[in-house]
Amino acid sequence: MAAAKKAVLGPLVGAVDQGTSSTRFLVFNSKTAELLSHHQVEIKQEFPREGWVEQDPMEILQSVYECIEKTCEKLGQLNIDISNIKAIGVSNQRETTVVWDKLTGEPLYNAVVWLDLRTQSTVETLSKRIPGNNNFVKSKTGLPLSTYFSAVKLRWLLDNVTKVQKAVKEDRALFGTIDSWLIWSLTGGANGGVHCTDVTNASRTMLFNIHSLEWDKDLCEFFDIPMKILPNVRSSSEIYGLMKAGALEGVPISGCLGDQSAALVGQMCFQDGQAKNTYGTGCFLLCNTGRKCVFSDHGLLTTVAYKLGRDKPVYYALEGSVAIAGAVIRWLRDNLGIIKTSEEIEKLAKEVGTSYGCYFVPAFSGLYAPYWEPSARGIICGLTQFTNKCHVAFAALEAVCFQTREILDAMNRDCGIPLSHLQVDGGMTNNKILMQLQADILYIPVVKPSMPETTALGAAMAAGAAEGVGVWSLEPEDLSAVTMERFEPQINAEESEIRYSTWKKAVMKSMGWVTTQSSESGTL
């Protein structure tokens, strides 16, 4: 019986999905895109000072090994032979910055997470050096100068961490985003690890020219980054190296996509104009703009969507980035203690069915798109003696929906063709109240695949389709049909507009809260 079952399955593909709040390893059937098994481990976030967000790169790496081992055990219990796993893809939280020692394999400092704000004064100093009539950083990278991207985090590490300075001098330092750190470690680390990244992750560093698809000498000079520490840039779908340890030793790592690009691929948004919104720690709306770079007039980023093979064309996307989505639920759980598990928020919100005039702007890391306002901070307003924790919970869910509406409005203005529906994915989409609220606030249907792990699916597709692996076809006729759940708007448009305009008033009140913090210098 077991032998017959193994024969039916055919080739499998694994995906590491290393997110901000957790690491997962998932295994898919490459012929049906069915999820067979997975394992998940939550990752600790450290907040050593106000506005600082760090993670331990060794903990991240261990969590990847643990998820792989546990998933392989689960497959064994299902009588699935793990030798059927023909390739592994990597998808990751983007921008988060690691510098490590190539001789010992040890990180030289914690990973500085994308949400971290310690570089605000670095950003202000640098922005004074950009001529008003020639924003060469934006025109080369598609990105605004912000604490969000890797270059300023790396600059901070080079300026403030003695161990990093010493390692760079002695030619021992390597820089990478999380994908690079994982691929280097998994392919051997100090014993021959492959130091590479893909075009999507490189496009989030502020050091990468999205037109020539190379590290940009002028940008590296502007940020004063030594080019020798940067990884080699590869396509999102090719064999980078082989796993050197663990249950899947010898399996090629052949897909690499930043998590938002991976979700775009996993949602099959391969056509110009197709878009998806992912609800994770943050919220990210990406619209495929085809082979052309489209620059936004409304606060969106221009970014690399994917390049699915060495000789394949590069595709671009417009992106609306919201810093805090799922993170607000984690904050209600860990900081305020009004829920014990993230799932409980739905129950609280359901009890009241309205925020009763309470608005929550979770600008914990300033405001990202469409405002790019680093001085903003979180506020809860419209409180009365009637307000209770259920209303705050409801307002937190509404905040995610309002923020999505802001980036969708910007996207519609930039593209000129309004989206007729919104394709969604990510952990928070399991929350039915959130999905219904989202349809009501956008006033268009929200469409969710029944298998919400589209980020991991995208990484698996890239890995399975790579030259030399060839177990996953990305031809339109071969892509399996996905079953969808649909949420239609249920309130009238006028009510939707009134709530949205009140939200905008709350956003204005969150701005201009902070002047540059003095807490960022000092050598470590």
Protein backbone atom coordinates (compact mmCIF):
# COMPACT_ATOMS: atom_id res chain seq x y z
CA MET A 1 0.00 0.00 0.00
CA ALA A 2 2.69 2.46 1.03
CA ALA A 3 4.67 1.72 -2.13
CA ALA A 4 1.64 2.45 -4.28
CA LYS A 5 1.07 5.72 -2.45
CA LYS A 6 4.69 6.76 -3.01
CA ALA A 7 4.44 5.98 -6.69
CA VAL A 8 1.36 8.18 -7.13
CA LEU A 9 2.91 11.27 -5.55
CA GLY A 10 5.72 11.89 -8.01
CA PRO A 11 8.26 14.68 -7.42
CA LEU A 12 7.92 16.92 -4.37
CA VAL A 13 9.38 20.35 -3.69
CA GLY A 14 10.17 21.89 -0.30
CA ALA A 15 10.02 25.57 0.62
CA VAL A 16 11.64 27.44 3.49
CA ASP A 17 9.44 30.42 4.37
CA GLN A 18 11.45 32.52 6.81
CA GLY A 19 9.17 35.35 7.94
CA THR A 20 9.47 38.09 10.53
CA SER A 21 7.44 36.30 13.18
CA SER A 22 8.00 32.65 12.29
CA THR A 23 9.87 30.13 10.15
CA ARG A 24 8.08 27.41 8.21
CA PHE A 25 9.09 24.53 6.00
CA LEU A 26 6.41 23.23 3.64
CA VAL A 27 6.40 20.39 1.13
CA PHE A 28 4.26 20.49 -2.03
CA ASN A 29 3.36 18.00 -4.75
CA SER A 30 4.85 19.59 -7.87
CA LYS A 31 2.12 18.20 -10.16
CA THR A 32 -0.94 19.31 -8.16
CA ALA A 33 0.49 22.13 -5.95
CA GLU A 34 -1.10 20.31 -2.98
CA LEU A 35 0.45 21.02 0.43
CA LEU A 36 1.47 17.67 1.95
CA SER A 37 3.05 18.65 5.25
CA HIS A 38 4.66 21.53 7.10
CA HIS A 39 6.12 22.65 10.41
CA GLN A 40 6.29 26.11 11.96
CA VAL A 41 8.43 27.70 14.71
CA GLU A 42 7.88 31.20 16.13
CA ILE A 43 10.92 33.50 16.09
CA LYS A 44 11.82 35.81 18.99
CA GLN A 45 12.06 39.51 18.30
CA GLU A 46 14.30 41.59 20.50
CA PHE A 47 13.69 45.27 21.23
CA PRO A 48 16.93 46.36 22.94
CA ARG A 49 15.96 50.06 22.81
CA GLU A 50 12.95 52.05 21.71
CA GLY A 51 12.54 51.72 17.95
CA TRP A 52 15.17 48.98 17.65
CA VAL A 53 14.14 45.54 16.34
CA GLU A 54 16.62 42.66 16.19
CA GLN A 55 16.66 38.89 15.74
CA ASP A 56 19.35 36.28 16.34
CA PRO A 57 20.61 34.94 12.96
CA MET A 58 21.67 31.65 14.63
CA GLU A 59 18.16 31.19 16.05
CA ILE A 60 16.74 31.83 12.56
CA LEU A 61 19.11 29.24 11.05
CA GLN A 62 18.34 26.67 13.77
CA SER A 63 14.62 27.21 13.24
CA VAL A 64 15.06 26.37 9.54
CA TYR A 65 16.86 23.10 10.37
CA GLU A 66 14.22 22.26 12.98
CA CYS A 67 11.33 22.91 10.57
CA ILE A 68 12.99 20.76 7.88
CA GLU A 69 13.64 17.85 10.28
CA LYS A 70 10.13 17.97 11.80
CA THR A 71 8.44 18.17 8.39
CA CYS A 72 10.48 15.19 7.17
CA GLU A 73 9.38 13.22 10.26
CA LYS A 74 5.74 14.09 9.54
CA LEU A 75 6.15 12.96 5.91
CA GLY A 76 7.60 9.67 7.22
CA GLN A 77 4.48 9.17 9.35
CA LEU A 78 2.38 9.72 6.20
CA ASN A 79 4.44 7.03 4.39
CA ILE A 80 5.87 9.61 2.02
CA ASP A 81 9.45 8.97 1.01
CA ILE A 82 11.52 12.15 1.50
CA SER A 83 13.84 11.12 -1.34
CA ASN A 84 10.98 12.40 -3.55
CA ILE A 85 11.92 15.97 -2.52
CA LYS A 86 13.79 17.12 -5.63
CA ALA A 87 14.42 20.78 -4.80
CA ILE A 88 14.12 23.45 -2.11
CA GLY A 89 13.06 27.08 -2.51
CA VAL A 90 13.76 29.89 -0.07
CA SER A 91 11.45 32.79 0.63
CA ASN A 92 12.26 35.34 3.30
CA GLN A 93 11.47 38.54 5.18
CA ARG A 94 13.14 41.17 3.04
CA GLU A 95 15.60 44.01 3.90
CA THR A 96 16.59 42.48 7.28
CA THR A 97 20.36 42.79 7.43
CA VAL A 98 23.03 40.33 8.60
CA VAL A 99 26.82 40.64 8.63
CA TRP A 100 28.79 37.50 9.45
CA ASP A 101 32.32 36.11 9.59
CA LYS A 102 33.07 33.93 6.56
CA LEU A 103 35.81 32.02 8.40
CA THR A 104 33.80 31.00 11.47
CA GLY A 105 30.26 31.23 10.10
CA GLU A 106 29.28 33.32 13.15
CA PRO A 107 27.12 36.45 12.88
CA LEU A 108 29.01 39.59 13.95
CA TYR A 109 25.85 41.24 15.32
CA ASN A 110 22.16 40.46 15.54
CA ALA A 111 20.08 40.75 12.39
CA VAL A 112 18.74 44.31 12.12
CA VAL A 113 15.09 43.79 11.16
CA TRP A 114 13.34 45.73 8.36
CA LEU A 115 11.05 47.42 10.94
CA ASP A 116 14.00 48.84 12.89
CA LEU A 117 14.18 52.67 13.21
CA ARG A 118 17.67 53.24 14.63
CA THR A 119 18.90 54.61 11.29
CA GLN A 120 16.55 57.60 11.20
CA SER A 121 19.30 60.21 11.72
CA THR A 122 21.50 58.40 9.14
CA VAL A 123 18.60 58.76 6.68
CA GLU A 124 18.22 62.47 7.49
CA THR A 125 21.95 63.13 7.04
CA LEU A 126 22.05 61.23 3.73
CA SER A 127 18.90 62.86 2.35
CA LYS A 128 20.61 66.26 2.62
CA ARG A 129 23.20 64.96 0.13
CA ILE A 130 20.63 64.12 -2.56
CA PRO A 131 20.02 67.00 -4.99
CA GLY A 132 16.34 67.99 -5.12
CA ASN A 133 16.27 67.90 -8.91
CA ASN A 134 18.02 64.53 -9.22
CA ASN A 135 16.94 61.84 -6.79
CA PHE A 136 19.40 59.30 -8.20
CA VAL A 137 18.68 56.89 -5.33
CA LYS A 138 15.01 56.65 -6.29
CA SER A 139 15.62 56.56 -10.05
CA LYS A 140 18.20 53.75 -9.78
CA THR A 141 16.52 51.68 -7.03
CA GLY A 142 12.80 52.52 -7.20
CA LEU A 143 12.91 53.17 -3.43
CA PRO A 144 12.61 56.24 -1.21
CA LEU A 145 15.44 56.87 1.24
CA SER A 146 14.05 55.20 4.36
CA THR A 147 15.04 53.25 7.48
CA TYR A 148 13.16 50.32 5.86
CA PHE A 149 15.91 49.26 3.41
CA SER A 150 19.19 47.43 3.98
CA ALA A 151 21.81 50.00 2.91
CA VAL A 152 21.25 52.30 5.90
CA LYS A 153 21.15 49.33 8.31
CA LEU A 154 24.47 48.11 6.92
CA ARG A 155 25.85 51.65 7.17
CA TRP A 156 24.84 51.70 10.86
CA LEU A 157 26.57 48.35 11.50
CA LEU A 158 29.75 49.59 9.78
CA ASP A 159 29.67 52.80 11.81
CA ASN A 160 28.80 51.40 15.23
CA VAL A 161 29.85 47.76 15.67
CA THR A 162 33.57 47.23 16.34
CA LYS A 163 33.44 43.52 15.41
CA VAL A 164 31.97 44.41 12.01
CA GLN A 165 34.57 47.13 11.38
CA LYS A 166 37.40 44.75 12.25
CA ALA A 167 36.05 41.92 10.08
CA VAL A 168 35.68 44.24 7.07
CA LYS A 169 39.28 45.43 7.51
CA GLU A 170 40.51 41.85 7.72
CA ASP A 171 38.42 40.76 4.72
CA ARG A 172 36.37 38.31 6.82
CA ALA A 173 32.97 40.04 6.62
CA LEU A 174 30.07 39.02 4.41
CA PHE A 175 26.79 40.95 4.14
CA GLY A 176 23.47 39.50 3.19
CA THR A 177 19.74 39.71 3.63
CA ILE A 178 18.14 36.64 5.30
CA ASP A 179 18.06 34.64 2.02
CA SER A 180 21.84 35.06 1.62
CA TRP A 181 22.55 34.14 5.23
CA LEU A 182 20.41 30.98 4.93
CA ILE A 183 21.68 29.85 1.51
CA TRP A 184 25.31 30.43 2.52
CA SER A 185 24.80 28.48 5.77
CA LEU A 186 22.74 25.64 4.24
CA THR A 187 25.22 25.11 1.37
CA GLY A 188 28.19 24.62 3.69
CA GLY A 189 28.77 27.90 5.51
CA ALA A 190 32.46 28.40 6.30
CA ASN A 191 33.15 25.19 4.30
CA GLY A 192 32.31 26.38 0.82
CA GLY A 193 28.94 28.06 1.39
CA VAL A 194 27.53 29.90 -1.63
CA HIS A 195 27.30 33.67 -1.06
CA CYS A 196 24.43 34.79 -3.29
CA THR A 197 21.09 36.56 -3.37
CA ASP A 198 18.39 36.88 -6.00
CA VAL A 199 17.26 39.97 -7.93
CA THR A 200 14.12 40.46 -5.80
CA ASN A 201 16.00 40.57 -2.50
CA ALA A 202 18.82 42.64 -4.01
CA SER A 203 16.24 45.19 -5.18
CA ARG A 204 15.36 45.90 -1.51
CA THR A 205 18.87 46.88 -0.40
CA MET A 206 19.02 50.40 -1.96
CA LEU A 207 22.39 49.35 -3.46
CA PHE A 208 21.01 47.58 -6.53
CA ASN A 209 20.31 49.13 -9.91
CA ILE A 210 16.93 47.71 -10.96
CA HIS A 211 17.55 48.61 -14.63
CA SER A 212 20.99 47.03 -15.13
CA LEU A 213 20.28 44.33 -12.46
CA GLU A 214 23.70 44.86 -10.86
CA TRP A 215 25.11 46.32 -7.67
CA ASP A 216 25.53 50.02 -8.42
CA LYS A 217 28.95 51.54 -7.90
CA ASP A 218 27.57 55.07 -7.39
CA LEU A 219 25.08 53.88 -4.77
CA CYS A 220 27.75 51.90 -2.92
CA GLU A 221 29.91 55.04 -2.90
CA PHE A 222 26.99 57.20 -1.73
CA PHE A 223 26.29 54.86 1.23
CA ASP A 224 30.03 54.12 1.58
CA ILE A 225 29.57 50.33 1.38
CA PRO A 226 32.54 48.13 0.38
CA MET A 227 31.36 46.12 -2.66
CA LYS A 228 33.51 43.11 -1.74
CA ILE A 229 31.12 42.16 1.10
CA LEU A 230 28.05 41.98 -1.17
CA PRO A 231 26.63 38.63 -2.38
CA ASN A 232 26.51 37.57 -6.05
CA VAL A 233 23.16 38.42 -7.61
CA ARG A 234 21.40 35.52 -9.35
CA SER A 235 17.98 34.91 -10.89
CA SER A 236 15.09 33.73 -8.69
CA SER A 237 15.06 30.24 -10.23
CA GLU A 238 18.36 28.39 -10.73
CA ILE A 239 20.47 25.91 -8.78
CA TYR A 240 22.55 27.90 -6.29
CA GLY A 241 24.04 24.94 -4.42
CA LEU A 242 23.21 21.73 -2.55
CA MET A 243 22.05 21.19 1.03
CA LYS A 244 25.12 20.11 3.02
CA ALA A 245 23.48 18.74 6.19
CA GLY A 246 20.32 17.34 7.72
CA ALA A 247 17.61 15.05 6.39
CA LEU A 248 17.70 16.66 2.92
CA GLU A 249 21.48 16.63 2.39
CA GLY A 250 22.30 16.71 -1.34
CA VAL A 251 19.00 18.31 -2.42
CA PRO A 252 19.52 21.41 -4.61
CA ILE A 253 18.43 24.85 -3.37
CA SER A 254 17.09 26.23 -6.63
CA GLY A 255 14.55 28.96 -5.87
CA CYS A 256 14.92 32.26 -4.03
CA LEU A 257 12.37 35.07 -3.79
CA GLY A 258 11.72 37.81 -1.25
CA ASP A 259 8.47 36.88 0.50
CA GLN A 260 6.27 39.41 -1.31
CA SER A 261 7.58 38.39 -4.73
CA ALA A 262 7.09 34.76 -3.76
CA ALA A 263 3.44 35.46 -2.90
CA LEU A 264 2.95 37.18 -6.27
CA VAL A 265 4.27 34.03 -8.00
CA GLY A 266 2.25 31.75 -5.69
CA GLN A 267 -0.91 33.70 -6.55
CA MET A 268 -0.02 33.15 -10.26
CA CYS A 269 0.03 36.92 -10.92
CA PHE A 270 2.12 36.51 -14.08
CA GLN A 271 0.17 39.01 -16.21
CA ASP A 272 0.68 42.75 -16.35
CA GLY A 273 -1.97 44.32 -14.05
CA GLN A 274 -2.50 41.32 -11.76
CA ALA A 275 -2.12 42.09 -8.06
CA LYS A 276 -2.13 40.44 -4.64
CA ASN A 277 -2.18 41.63 -1.05
CA THR A 278 -0.37 39.62 1.63
CA TYR A 279 -1.35 39.98 5.29
CA GLY A 280 1.66 39.05 7.41
CA THR A 281 3.63 41.06 10.00
CA GLY A 282 3.11 43.94 7.58
CA CYS A 283 0.79 44.24 4.60
CA PHE A 284 2.10 44.27 1.05
CA LEU A 285 0.14 44.96 -2.11
CA LEU A 286 2.08 44.12 -5.28
CA CYS A 287 0.92 44.71 -8.84
CA ASN A 288 2.78 43.10 -11.73
CA THR A 289 3.75 45.83 -14.23
CA GLY A 290 5.31 43.41 -16.74
CA ARG A 291 8.77 44.03 -18.16
CA LYS A 292 8.67 47.76 -17.58
CA CYS A 293 9.54 49.77 -14.49
CA VAL A 294 6.60 51.95 -13.51
CA PHE A 295 7.45 54.80 -11.15
CA SER A 296 4.77 55.94 -8.73
CA ASP A 297 3.51 59.45 -8.11
CA HIS A 298 1.58 58.31 -5.05
CA GLY A 299 4.09 56.85 -2.59
CA LEU A 300 4.43 53.31 -3.96
CA LEU A 301 7.75 51.54 -4.52
CA THR A 302 9.07 50.20 -7.81
CA THR A 303 10.58 46.80 -7.24
CA VAL A 304 11.72 43.63 -9.00
CA ALA A 305 8.84 41.11 -9.07
CA TYR A 306 10.83 38.06 -10.27
CA LYS A 307 13.23 36.68 -12.85
CA LEU A 308 12.38 33.00 -13.18
CA GLY A 309 15.59 31.71 -14.75
CA ARG A 310 19.04 32.88 -15.80
CA ASP A 311 17.94 33.57 -19.38
CA LYS A 312 14.39 34.63 -18.56
CA PRO A 313 13.22 38.26 -18.61
CA VAL A 314 12.91 40.31 -15.45
CA TYR A 315 9.41 41.40 -14.37
CA TYR A 316 8.73 44.46 -12.24
CA ALA A 317 6.03 45.41 -9.74
CA LEU A 318 4.58 48.43 -8.00
CA GLU A 319 4.40 47.84 -4.28
CA GLY A 320 2.40 49.41 -1.49
CA SER A 321 4.13 48.56 1.82
CA VAL A 322 2.40 48.80 5.19
CA ALA A 323 4.72 48.20 8.15
CA ILE A 324 2.24 46.95 10.75
CA ALA A 325 -0.59 44.50 10.07
CA GLY A 326 -0.32 41.15 11.90
CA ALA A 327 2.24 42.81 14.18
CA VAL A 328 -0.58 44.84 15.76
CA ILE A 329 -2.29 41.59 16.81
CA ARG A 330 0.99 40.29 18.27
CA TRP A 331 1.31 43.62 20.13
CA LEU A 332 -2.20 43.26 21.61
CA ARG A 333 -1.18 39.74 22.71
CA ASP A 334 2.37 40.32 24.00
CA ASN A 335 2.34 43.96 25.14
CA LEU A 336 -1.23 44.65 26.27
CA GLY A 337 -2.22 41.07 27.10
CA ILE A 338 -5.84 41.53 26.00
CA ILE A 339 -5.67 38.27 24.01
CA LYS A 340 -3.75 35.06 24.75
CA THR A 341 -3.55 33.79 21.16
CA SER A 342 -3.75 35.68 17.88
CA GLU A 343 -6.88 33.72 16.93
CA GLU A 344 -8.79 35.22 19.90
CA ILE A 345 -8.96 38.64 18.24
CA GLU A 346 -11.72 37.41 15.95
CA LYS A 347 -13.82 36.38 18.96
CA LEU A 348 -13.38 39.79 20.67
CA ALA A 349 -14.18 41.71 17.49
CA LYS A 350 -17.26 39.56 16.88
CA GLU A 351 -18.66 40.39 20.33
CA VAL A 352 -19.14 44.06 19.39
CA GLY A 353 -19.26 44.02 15.58
CA THR A 354 -18.03 47.64 15.47
CA SER A 355 -15.17 49.77 16.78
CA TYR A 356 -17.80 52.26 18.02
CA GLY A 357 -15.88 55.32 16.85
CA CYS A 358 -12.51 54.07 18.11
CA TYR A 359 -9.65 54.31 15.60
CA PHE A 360 -6.24 52.69 15.92
CA VAL A 361 -3.31 53.90 13.78
CA PRO A 362 -0.51 51.37 14.44
CA ALA A 363 2.37 53.58 13.27
CA PHE A 364 4.85 51.73 15.52
CA SER A 365 7.63 52.14 12.93
CA GLY A 366 6.41 55.42 11.47
CA LEU A 367 4.13 55.29 8.44
CA TYR A 368 5.21 53.51 5.25
CA ALA A 369 3.21 53.79 1.99
CA PRO A 370 1.74 56.05 0.84
CA TYR A 371 3.04 58.61 3.40
CA TRP A 372 6.67 57.64 4.16
CA GLU A 373 6.42 59.62 7.38
CA PRO A 374 9.05 58.40 9.87
CA SER A 375 7.94 60.86 12.57
CA ALA A 376 4.53 59.18 13.03
CA ARG A 377 3.80 56.94 16.02
CA GLY A 378 0.90 54.70 17.00
CA ILE A 379 -2.28 56.26 18.38
CA ILE A 380 -5.66 54.99 19.55
CA CYS A 381 -8.23 57.77 19.39
CA GLY A 382 -11.98 58.39 19.60
CA LEU A 383 -12.08 56.75 23.04
CA THR A 384 -15.01 57.22 25.42
CA GLN A 385 -15.96 55.61 28.74
CA PHE A 386 -17.96 53.15 26.66
CA THR A 387 -14.85 51.85 24.80
CA ASN A 388 -13.62 48.40 25.88
CA LYS A 389 -11.03 45.89 24.71
CA CYS A 390 -13.44 44.45 22.12
CA HIS A 391 -13.69 47.84 20.40
CA VAL A 392 -9.89 48.20 20.43
CA ALA A 393 -9.57 44.71 18.92
CA PHE A 394 -12.10 45.62 16.22
CA ALA A 395 -10.27 48.91 15.54
CA ALA A 396 -7.00 46.98 15.14
CA LEU A 397 -8.56 44.79 12.43
CA GLU A 398 -10.09 47.86 10.76
CA ALA A 399 -6.65 49.51 10.77
CA VAL A 400 -5.27 46.70 8.62
CA CYS A 401 -8.16 47.20 6.16
CA PHE A 402 -7.91 51.00 6.06
CA GLN A 403 -4.16 50.84 5.44
CA THR A 404 -4.81 48.42 2.58
CA ARG A 405 -7.40 50.80 1.16
CA GLU A 406 -4.83 53.63 1.17
CA ILE A 407 -2.30 51.62 -0.83
CA LEU A 408 -5.02 50.26 -3.16
CA ASP A 409 -6.19 53.83 -3.89
CA ALA A 410 -2.58 54.81 -4.67
CA MET A 411 -2.19 51.74 -6.91
CA ASN A 412 -5.40 52.57 -8.81
CA ARG A 413 -4.21 56.15 -9.35
CA ASP A 414 -0.78 55.04 -10.58
CA CYS A 415 -2.10 52.31 -12.88
CA GLY A 416 -5.19 54.14 -14.10
CA ILE A 417 -7.14 50.87 -14.15
CA PRO A 418 -8.92 50.21 -10.84
CA LEU A 419 -8.70 46.65 -9.54
CA SER A 420 -12.06 44.89 -9.85
CA HIS A 421 -11.29 42.50 -6.97
CA LEU A 422 -8.42 41.92 -4.53
CA GLN A 423 -6.53 38.61 -4.35
CA VAL A 424 -5.34 38.04 -0.80
CA ASP A 425 -3.14 35.62 1.13
CA GLY A 426 -1.08 35.31 4.31
CA GLY A 427 -1.77 34.12 7.84
CA MET A 428 -4.31 36.79 8.75
CA THR A 429 -6.65 35.82 5.89
CA ASN A 430 -7.93 32.95 8.08
CA ASN A 431 -9.76 35.67 10.02
CA LYS A 432 -13.22 35.84 8.40
CA ILE A 433 -14.19 39.09 10.12
CA LEU A 434 -11.04 40.74 8.73
CA MET A 435 -11.80 39.51 5.21
CA GLN A 436 -15.41 40.75 5.32
CA LEU A 437 -14.27 44.11 6.75
CA GLN A 438 -11.71 44.35 3.96
CA ALA A 439 -14.38 43.82 1.27
CA ASP A 440 -16.61 46.43 2.98
CA ILE A 441 -13.86 49.05 3.29
CA LEU A 442 -12.54 48.58 -0.27
CA TYR A 443 -16.00 48.15 -1.69
CA ILE A 444 -14.76 45.42 -4.05
CA PRO A 445 -14.84 41.61 -3.61
CA VAL A 446 -11.92 40.01 -1.74
CA VAL A 447 -10.81 36.66 -3.12
CA LYS A 448 -8.77 34.20 -1.09
CA PRO A 449 -7.26 30.87 -2.18
CA SER A 450 -8.32 27.94 0.00
CA MET A 451 -4.60 27.19 0.58
CA PRO A 452 -3.32 30.48 2.05
CA GLU A 453 0.41 29.53 2.04
CA THR A 454 1.05 31.23 -1.28
CA THR A 455 4.45 32.65 -0.26
CA ALA A 456 5.88 29.18 0.28
CA LEU A 457 4.11 27.94 -2.85
CA GLY A 458 5.80 30.67 -4.93
CA ALA A 459 9.24 29.70 -3.61
CA ALA A 460 8.49 26.02 -4.34
CA MET A 461 7.35 26.86 -7.89
CA ALA A 462 10.57 28.80 -8.56
CA ALA A 463 12.67 25.93 -7.17
CA GLY A 464 10.82 23.18 -9.03
CA ALA A 465 10.89 25.06 -12.34
CA ALA A 466 14.66 25.72 -12.23
CA GLU A 467 16.87 24.47 -15.04
CA GLY A 468 18.37 21.14 -13.96
CA VAL A 469 15.38 20.40 -11.69
CA GLY A 470 12.44 20.77 -14.08
CA VAL A 471 9.71 19.13 -11.99
CA TRP A 472 7.29 22.10 -11.94
CA SER A 473 5.87 23.61 -15.12
CA LEU A 474 5.00 27.31 -15.05
CA GLU A 475 3.23 27.17 -18.43
CA PRO A 476 -0.26 28.70 -18.03
CA GLU A 477 -2.00 25.52 -19.20
CA ASP A 478 -0.14 23.42 -16.58
CA LEU A 479 -0.84 25.63 -13.56
CA SER A 480 -3.42 23.90 -11.40
CA ALA A 481 -6.74 25.67 -10.87
CA VAL A 482 -7.04 27.05 -7.35
CA THR A 483 -10.28 26.95 -5.35
CA MET A 484 -11.16 30.38 -4.02
CA GLU A 485 -13.32 31.80 -1.26
CA ARG A 486 -15.01 35.11 -2.08
CA PHE A 487 -16.11 37.92 0.26
CA GLU A 488 -18.54 40.47 -1.22
CA PRO A 489 -19.03 43.99 0.22
CA GLN A 490 -22.05 44.06 2.56
CA ILE A 491 -22.34 47.69 3.69
CA ASN A 492 -23.43 50.67 1.62
CA ALA A 493 -20.75 52.71 -0.11
CA GLU A 494 -21.60 55.87 1.79
CA GLU A 495 -20.95 54.29 5.20
CA SER A 496 -17.69 52.87 3.87
CA GLU A 497 -16.58 56.37 2.78
CA ILE A 498 -17.48 58.03 6.11
CA ARG A 499 -15.42 55.48 8.07
CA TYR A 500 -12.49 55.88 5.67
CA SER A 501 -12.44 59.68 5.92
CA THR A 502 -12.47 59.45 9.74
CA TRP A 503 -9.52 57.05 9.50
CA LYS A 504 -7.60 59.62 7.44
CA LYS A 505 -8.23 62.21 10.14
CA ALA A 506 -6.74 59.80 12.71
CA VAL A 507 -3.68 59.24 10.48
CA MET A 508 -3.02 62.99 10.39
CA LYS A 509 -3.07 63.04 14.20
CA SER A 510 -0.38 60.32 14.35
CA MET A 511 2.14 62.36 12.36
CA GLY A 512 4.93 64.67 13.51
CA TRP A 513 5.19 62.90 16.84
CA VAL A 514 8.92 62.28 17.05
CA THR A 515 11.96 64.36 16.38
CA THR A 516 15.14 62.43 15.58
CA GLN A 517 16.11 60.15 18.44
CA SER A 518 19.51 60.75 19.91
CA SER A 519 19.68 57.12 21.01
CA GLU A 520 21.41 55.70 17.99
CA SER A 521 25.10 56.43 18.16
CA GLY A 522 27.71 54.84 20.35
CA THR A 523 30.02 52.03 19.31
CA LEU A 524 29.01 48.51 20.26
